[in-house]
């Protein structure tokens, strides 16, 4: 049994998880890692390369996110000359991924409640949620929800904002019906299924 973290924010995307992250960081009794979304459990599900040297060249979306976050964290640690932050960053990005490695990311001070927030955890498969329950039996899961329609439109607006070219925006516009009926899109607002899956474990 692994002791950390005490809680994880499991989503949902576009329901206020960034606000929650900012609010919890204001509380001295709570410790959150320097990176908001650790993506430990969902990276395993999606089969992203685990070795850092493979992530440097892979074009998988999770690896591109990993490289961008690595650049950002290294710049911040060096700019503020914070040895503890630099050690955490090196451990996070270059450590051997395992449950012990994941638990080691939750430094904190004695008495602090430690946790992380990764909205994609709401979409984890049943087997992964069961595995989390076995490994972290005292873990609390925090789920933020929002009107499913508002959440969906917010995600669509985000998709358009993230489109880098006119061609990408045109493709999204032409395929909007297909996008909003995609299984992963619908699953993000299927709150009863998310709650049932997590409560079982």
C-alpha atoms as a PDB file:
ATOM      1  CA  UNK A   1       0.000   0.000   0.000  1.00  0.00           C
ATOM      2  CA  UNK A   2       1.305   3.459  -0.959  1.00  0.00           C
ATOM      3  CA  UNK A   3       0.575   6.367   1.374  1.00  0.00           C
ATOM      4  CA  UNK A   4       0.500   9.359  -1.002  1.00  0.00           C
ATOM      5  CA  UNK A   5      -1.389  11.224  -2.290  1.00  0.00           C
ATOM      6  CA  UNK A   6      -4.247  11.985   0.100  1.00  0.00           C
ATOM      7  CA  UNK A   7      -6.574  13.171  -2.698  1.00  0.00           C
ATOM      8  CA  UNK A   8      -6.786  13.501  -6.456  1.00  0.00           C
ATOM      9  CA  UNK A   9      -8.976  15.807  -8.479  1.00  0.00           C
ATOM     10  CA  UNK A  10     -10.387  13.610 -11.231  1.00  0.00           C
ATOM     11  CA  UNK A  11     -12.102  16.245 -13.337  1.00  0.00           C
ATOM     12  CA  UNK A  12     -14.140  16.864 -15.231  1.00  0.00           C
ATOM     13  CA  UNK A  13     -12.470  18.909 -17.952  1.00  0.00           C
ATOM     14  CA  UNK A  14     -13.899  22.432 -18.351  1.00  0.00           C
ATOM     15  CA  UNK A  15     -15.657  22.312 -14.967  1.00  0.00           C
ATOM     16  CA  UNK A  16     -13.364  24.502 -12.856  1.00  0.00           C
ATOM     17  CA  UNK A  17     -10.395  22.268 -12.061  1.00  0.00           C
ATOM     18  CA  UNK A  18      -7.892  25.067 -12.772  1.00  0.00           C
ATOM     19  CA  UNK A  19      -9.817  27.334 -10.391  1.00  0.00           C
ATOM     20  CA  UNK A  20      -9.757  24.563  -7.759  1.00  0.00           C
ATOM     21  CA  UNK A  21      -6.011  24.122  -8.239  1.00  0.00           C
ATOM     22  CA  UNK A  22      -5.415  27.861  -7.702  1.00  0.00           C
ATOM     23  CA  UNK A  23      -7.709  27.963  -4.661  1.00  0.00           C
ATOM     24  CA  UNK A  24      -6.082  24.956  -2.966  1.00  0.00           C
ATOM     25  CA  UNK A  25      -2.596  26.417  -3.508  1.00  0.00           C
ATOM     26  CA  UNK A  26      -3.624  29.359  -1.285  1.00  0.00           C
ATOM     27  CA  UNK A  27      -4.139  27.056   1.699  1.00  0.00           C
ATOM     28  CA  UNK A  28      -0.954  26.404   3.750  1.00  0.00           C
ATOM     29  CA  UNK A  29      -2.330  23.057   4.987  1.00  0.00           C
ATOM     30  CA  UNK A  30      -2.490  21.670   1.426  1.00  0.00           C
ATOM     31  CA  UNK A  31       0.440  20.746  -0.828  1.00  0.00           C
ATOM     32  CA  UNK A  32       0.102  20.356  -4.587  1.00  0.00           C
ATOM     33  CA  UNK A  33       2.950  19.520  -6.972  1.00  0.00           C
ATOM     34  CA  UNK A  34       4.413  22.300  -9.122  1.00  0.00           C
ATOM     35  CA  UNK A  35       2.723  20.708 -12.172  1.00  0.00           C
ATOM     36  CA  UNK A  36      -1.079  20.770 -12.068  1.00  0.00           C
ATOM     37  CA  UNK A  37      -1.721  17.641 -14.123  1.00  0.00           C
ATOM     38  CA  UNK A  38       0.660  14.748 -13.396  1.00  0.00           C
ATOM     39  CA  UNK A  39      -1.102  12.364 -15.850  1.00  0.00           C
ATOM     40  CA  UNK A  40       0.353   9.307 -14.156  1.00  0.00           C
ATOM     41  CA  UNK A  41      -2.635   6.988 -14.406  1.00  0.00           C
ATOM     42  CA  UNK A  42      -3.923   8.034 -17.824  1.00  0.00           C
ATOM     43  CA  UNK A  43      -0.468   7.996 -19.461  1.00  0.00           C
ATOM     44  CA  UNK A  44      -0.296   4.308 -18.584  1.00  0.00           C
ATOM     45  CA  UNK A  45      -3.749   3.759 -20.084  1.00  0.00           C
ATOM     46  CA  UNK A  46      -2.880   5.456 -23.364  1.00  0.00           C
ATOM     47  CA  UNK A  47       0.458   3.701 -23.772  1.00  0.00           C
ATOM     48  CA  UNK A  48       2.665   6.776 -24.020  1.00  0.00           C
ATOM     49  CA  UNK A  49       6.376   5.920 -23.925  1.00  0.00           C
ATOM     50  CA  UNK A  50       7.486   5.836 -20.299  1.00  0.00           C
ATOM     51  CA  UNK A  51      11.216   6.367 -20.846  1.00  0.00           C
ATOM     52  CA  UNK A  52      12.181  10.043 -20.939  1.00  0.00           C
ATOM     53  CA  UNK A  53      14.592   9.541 -23.844  1.00  0.00           C
ATOM     54  CA  UNK A  54      11.765   8.132 -25.978  1.00  0.00           C
ATOM     55  CA  UNK A  55       9.514  11.037 -25.035  1.00  0.00           C
ATOM     56  CA  UNK A  56      12.071  13.519 -26.386  1.00  0.00           C
ATOM     57  CA  UNK A  57      11.377  12.441 -29.984  1.00  0.00           C
ATOM     58  CA  UNK A  58       7.895  10.913 -29.970  1.00  0.00           C
ATOM     59  CA  UNK A  59       5.108  12.841 -31.693  1.00  0.00           C
ATOM     60  CA  UNK A  60       2.374  11.370 -29.453  1.00  0.00           C
ATOM     61  CA  UNK A  61       0.251  14.192 -27.960  1.00  0.00           C
ATOM     62  CA  UNK A  62       1.223  13.248 -24.411  1.00  0.00           C
ATOM     63  CA  UNK A  63       4.914  13.414 -25.314  1.00  0.00           C
ATOM     64  CA  UNK A  64       4.543  16.850 -26.887  1.00  0.00           C
ATOM     65  CA  UNK A  65       2.783  17.989 -23.714  1.00  0.00           C
ATOM     66  CA  UNK A  66       5.616  16.427 -21.662  1.00  0.00           C
ATOM     67  CA  UNK A  67       8.307  18.337 -23.618  1.00  0.00           C
ATOM     68  CA  UNK A  68       6.451  21.632 -23.338  1.00  0.00           C
ATOM     69  CA  UNK A  69       5.958  21.195 -19.590  1.00  0.00           C
ATOM     70  CA  UNK A  70       9.629  20.174 -19.174  1.00  0.00           C
ATOM     71  CA  UNK A  71      10.832  23.395 -20.846  1.00  0.00           C
ATOM     72  CA  UNK A  72       8.464  25.479 -18.727  1.00  0.00           C
ATOM     73  CA  UNK A  73       9.439  23.813 -15.419  1.00  0.00           C
ATOM     74  CA  UNK A  74      13.190  23.948 -16.062  1.00  0.00           C
ATOM     75  CA  UNK A  75      13.004  27.650 -16.973  1.00  0.00           C
ATOM     76  CA  UNK A  76      11.009  28.387 -13.795  1.00  0.00           C
ATOM     77  CA  UNK A  77      13.366  26.407 -11.531  1.00  0.00           C
ATOM     78  CA  UNK A  78      16.441  28.080 -13.003  1.00  0.00           C
ATOM     79  CA  UNK A  79      14.927  31.577 -13.054  1.00  0.00           C
ATOM     80  CA  UNK A  80      13.957  31.443  -9.385  1.00  0.00           C
ATOM     81  CA  UNK A  81      17.074  29.458  -8.406  1.00  0.00           C
ATOM     82  CA  UNK A  82      15.015  27.107  -6.296  1.00  0.00           C
ATOM     83  CA  UNK A  83      17.003  23.889  -5.618  1.00  0.00           C
ATOM     84  CA  UNK A  84      13.970  22.039  -4.197  1.00  0.00           C
ATOM     85  CA  UNK A  85      11.895  22.902  -7.275  1.00  0.00           C
ATOM     86  CA  UNK A  86      14.722  21.818  -9.575  1.00  0.00           C
ATOM     87  CA  UNK A  87      15.075  18.485  -7.724  1.00  0.00           C
ATOM     88  CA  UNK A  88      11.311  17.902  -7.985  1.00  0.00           C
ATOM     89  CA  UNK A  89      11.348  18.774 -11.698  1.00  0.00           C
ATOM     90  CA  UNK A  90      14.225  16.376 -12.435  1.00  0.00           C
ATOM     91  CA  UNK A  91      12.541  13.599 -10.418  1.00  0.00           C
ATOM     92  CA  UNK A  92       9.225  14.134 -12.197  1.00  0.00           C
ATOM     93  CA  UNK A  93      10.560  14.289 -15.736  1.00  0.00           C
ATOM     94  CA  UNK A  94      13.467  11.844 -15.549  1.00  0.00           C
ATOM     95  CA  UNK A  95      12.550   9.418 -12.747  1.00  0.00           C
ATOM     96  CA  UNK A  96      11.698   5.784 -13.372  1.00  0.00           C
ATOM     97  CA  UNK A  97       7.904   5.728 -13.498  1.00  0.00           C
ATOM     98  CA  UNK A  98       6.371   3.451 -10.854  1.00  0.00           C
ATOM     99  CA  UNK A  99       3.914   3.726  -7.977  1.00  0.00           C
ATOM    100  CA  UNK A 100       6.829   4.506  -5.636  1.00  0.00           C
ATOM    101  CA  UNK A 101       8.008   7.231  -8.024  1.00  0.00           C
ATOM    102  CA  UNK A 102       4.478   8.682  -8.138  1.00  0.00           C
ATOM    103  CA  UNK A 103       4.249   8.709  -4.323  1.00  0.00           C
ATOM    104  CA  UNK A 104       7.678  10.400  -4.129  1.00  0.00           C
ATOM    105  CA  UNK A 105       6.325  13.397  -6.044  1.00  0.00           C
ATOM    106  CA  UNK A 106       4.243  14.465  -3.031  1.00  0.00           C
ATOM    107  CA  UNK A 107       6.903  16.171  -0.922  1.00  0.00           C
ATOM    108  CA  UNK A 108       4.992  18.552   1.287  1.00  0.00           C
ATOM    109  CA  UNK A 109       5.660  19.337   4.924  1.00  0.00           C
ATOM    110  CA  UNK A 110       4.588  17.183   7.866  1.00  0.00           C
ATOM    111  CA  UNK A 111       0.865  17.611   8.486  1.00  0.00           C
ATOM    112  CA  UNK A 112       0.046  18.913   5.029  1.00  0.00           C
ATOM    113  CA  UNK A 113      -2.668  17.223   2.979  1.00  0.00           C
ATOM    114  CA  UNK A 114      -1.151  16.283  -0.384  1.00  0.00           C
ATOM    115  CA  UNK A 115      -2.862  15.822  -3.702  1.00  0.00           C
ATOM    116  CA  UNK A 116      -2.986  16.475  -7.419  1.00  0.00           C
ATOM    117  CA  UNK A 117      -5.565  17.377 -10.063  1.00  0.00           C
ATOM    118  CA  UNK A 118      -5.723  15.710 -13.488  1.00  0.00           C
ATOM    119  CA  UNK A 119      -9.144  16.121 -15.162  1.00  0.00           C
ATOM    120  CA  UNK A 120      -8.573  13.224 -17.556  1.00  0.00           C
ATOM    121  CA  UNK A 121      -8.717  10.800 -14.610  1.00  0.00           C
ATOM    122  CA  UNK A 122     -12.507  10.970 -14.876  1.00  0.00           C
ATOM    123  CA  UNK A 123     -12.193   8.919 -18.089  1.00  0.00           C
ATOM    124  CA  UNK A 124     -10.017   6.151 -16.652  1.00  0.00           C
ATOM    125  CA  UNK A 125     -11.035   2.581 -17.389  1.00  0.00           C
ATOM    126  CA  UNK A 126     -12.694   0.526 -14.647  1.00  0.00           C
ATOM    127  CA  UNK A 127      -9.590  -1.659 -14.222  1.00  0.00           C
ATOM    128  CA  UNK A 128      -7.362   1.389 -13.653  1.00  0.00           C
ATOM    129  CA  UNK A 129      -9.758   2.886 -11.095  1.00  0.00           C
ATOM    130  CA  UNK A 130      -9.859  -0.503  -9.315  1.00  0.00           C
ATOM    131  CA  UNK A 131      -6.044  -0.585  -9.297  1.00  0.00           C
ATOM    132  CA  UNK A 132      -5.918   2.937  -7.824  1.00  0.00           C
ATOM    133  CA  UNK A 133      -8.377   1.851  -5.118  1.00  0.00           C
ATOM    134  CA  UNK A 134      -6.186  -1.123  -4.178  1.00  0.00           C
ATOM    135  CA  UNK A 135      -2.952   0.877  -4.114  1.00  0.00           C
ATOM    136  CA  UNK A 136      -4.343   4.008  -2.433  1.00  0.00           C
ATOM    137  CA  UNK A 137      -7.192   2.742  -0.220  1.00  0.00           C
ATOM    138  CA  UNK A 138      -7.548   5.989   1.780  1.00  0.00           C
ATOM    139  CA  UNK A 139      -7.476   8.223  -1.287  1.00  0.00           C
ATOM    140  CA  UNK A 140     -10.207  10.846  -1.661  1.00  0.00           C
ATOM    141  CA  UNK A 141     -11.402  11.678  -5.178  1.00  0.00           C
ATOM    142  CA  UNK A 142     -12.728  15.150  -5.974  1.00  0.00           C
ATOM    143  CA  UNK A 143     -15.071  15.503  -8.943  1.00  0.00           C
ATOM    144  CA  UNK A 144     -16.259  18.899 -10.148  1.00  0.00           C
ATOM    145  CA  UNK A 145     -19.255  18.881 -12.459  1.00  0.00           C
ATOM    146  CA  UNK A 146     -20.904  21.502 -14.615  1.00  0.00           C
ATOM    147  CA  UNK A 147     -24.010  21.656 -16.741  1.00  0.00           C
ATOM    148  CA  UNK A 148     -23.262  19.067 -19.457  1.00  0.00           C
ATOM    149  CA  UNK A 149     -24.305  21.465 -22.221  1.00  0.00           C
ATOM    150  CA  UNK A 150     -22.164  24.336 -20.879  1.00  0.00           C
ATOM    151  CA  UNK A 151     -19.244  21.949 -20.355  1.00  0.00           C
ATOM    152  CA  UNK A 152     -19.505  20.664 -23.913  1.00  0.00           C
ATOM    153  CA  UNK A 153     -19.655  24.130 -25.479  1.00  0.00           C
ATOM    154  CA  UNK A 154     -16.724  25.228 -23.361  1.00  0.00           C
ATOM    155  CA  UNK A 155     -14.697  22.286 -24.686  1.00  0.00           C
ATOM    156  CA  UNK A 156     -15.679  23.088 -28.272  1.00  0.00           C
ATOM    157  CA  UNK A 157     -14.588  26.718 -27.788  1.00  0.00           C
ATOM    158  CA  UNK A 158     -11.282  25.456 -26.345  1.00  0.00           C
ATOM    159  CA  UNK A 159     -10.789  23.178 -29.366  1.00  0.00           C
ATOM    160  CA  UNK A 160     -11.273  26.160 -31.685  1.00  0.00           C
ATOM    161  CA  UNK A 161      -8.881  28.323 -29.632  1.00  0.00           C
ATOM    162  CA  UNK A 162      -6.229  25.605 -29.790  1.00  0.00           C
ATOM    163  CA  UNK A 163      -6.539  25.296 -33.560  1.00  0.00           C
ATOM    164  CA  UNK A 164      -3.374  26.742 -35.000  1.00  0.00           C
ATOM    165  CA  UNK A 165      -4.461  27.138 -38.630  1.00  0.00           C
ATOM    166  CA  UNK A 166      -7.534  28.107 -40.613  1.00  0.00           C
ATOM    167  CA  UNK A 167      -7.573  24.581 -42.052  1.00  0.00           C
ATOM    168  CA  UNK A 168      -7.824  23.072 -38.553  1.00  0.00           C
ATOM    169  CA  UNK A 169     -10.674  25.445 -37.642  1.00  0.00           C
ATOM    170  CA  UNK A 170     -12.495  24.658 -40.890  1.00  0.00           C
ATOM    171  CA  UNK A 171     -12.102  20.925 -40.250  1.00  0.00           C
ATOM    172  CA  UNK A 172     -13.552  21.335 -36.738  1.00  0.00           C
ATOM    173  CA  UNK A 173     -16.471  23.332 -38.097  1.00  0.00           C
ATOM    174  CA  UNK A 174     -17.237  20.753 -40.807  1.00  0.00           C
ATOM    175  CA  UNK A 175     -16.967  17.864 -38.328  1.00  0.00           C
ATOM    176  CA  UNK A 176     -18.699  19.447 -35.347  1.00  0.00           C
ATOM    177  CA  UNK A 177     -21.539  16.883 -35.331  1.00  0.00           C
ATOM    178  CA  UNK A 178     -19.061  14.016 -35.374  1.00  0.00           C
ATOM    179  CA  UNK A 179     -16.974  15.675 -32.653  1.00  0.00           C
ATOM    180  CA  UNK A 180     -19.843  16.127 -30.181  1.00  0.00           C
ATOM    181  CA  UNK A 181     -20.974  12.535 -30.728  1.00  0.00           C
ATOM    182  CA  UNK A 182     -17.510  11.026 -30.222  1.00  0.00           C
ATOM    183  CA  UNK A 183     -17.432   8.533 -27.310  1.00  0.00           C
ATOM    184  CA  UNK A 184     -14.732  10.376 -25.346  1.00  0.00           C
ATOM    185  CA  UNK A 185     -16.556  13.691 -25.763  1.00  0.00           C
ATOM    186  CA  UNK A 186     -19.825  12.230 -24.439  1.00  0.00           C
ATOM    187  CA  UNK A 187     -18.028  10.356 -21.629  1.00  0.00           C
ATOM    188  CA  UNK A 188     -16.693  13.614 -20.172  1.00  0.00           C
ATOM    189  CA  UNK A 189     -20.231  14.657 -19.224  1.00  0.00           C
ATOM    190  CA  UNK A 190     -21.533  11.202 -18.275  1.00  0.00           C
ATOM    191  CA  UNK A 191     -21.384  12.037 -14.574  1.00  0.00           C
ATOM    192  CA  UNK A 192     -23.429   9.047 -13.328  1.00  0.00           C
ATOM    193  CA  UNK A 193     -20.980   6.605 -14.965  1.00  0.00           C
ATOM    194  CA  UNK A 194     -17.949   8.473 -13.630  1.00  0.00           C
ATOM    195  CA  UNK A 195     -19.353   8.571 -10.104  1.00  0.00           C
ATOM    196  CA  UNK A 196     -20.398   4.901 -10.187  1.00  0.00           C
ATOM    197  CA  UNK A 197     -16.989   3.794 -11.463  1.00  0.00           C
ATOM    198  CA  UNK A 198     -15.076   5.673  -8.758  1.00  0.00           C
ATOM    199  CA  UNK A 199     -17.482   4.887  -5.913  1.00  0.00           C
ATOM    200  CA  UNK A 200     -17.190   1.149  -6.607  1.00  0.00           C
ATOM    201  CA  UNK A 201     -13.492   1.321  -5.783  1.00  0.00           C
END
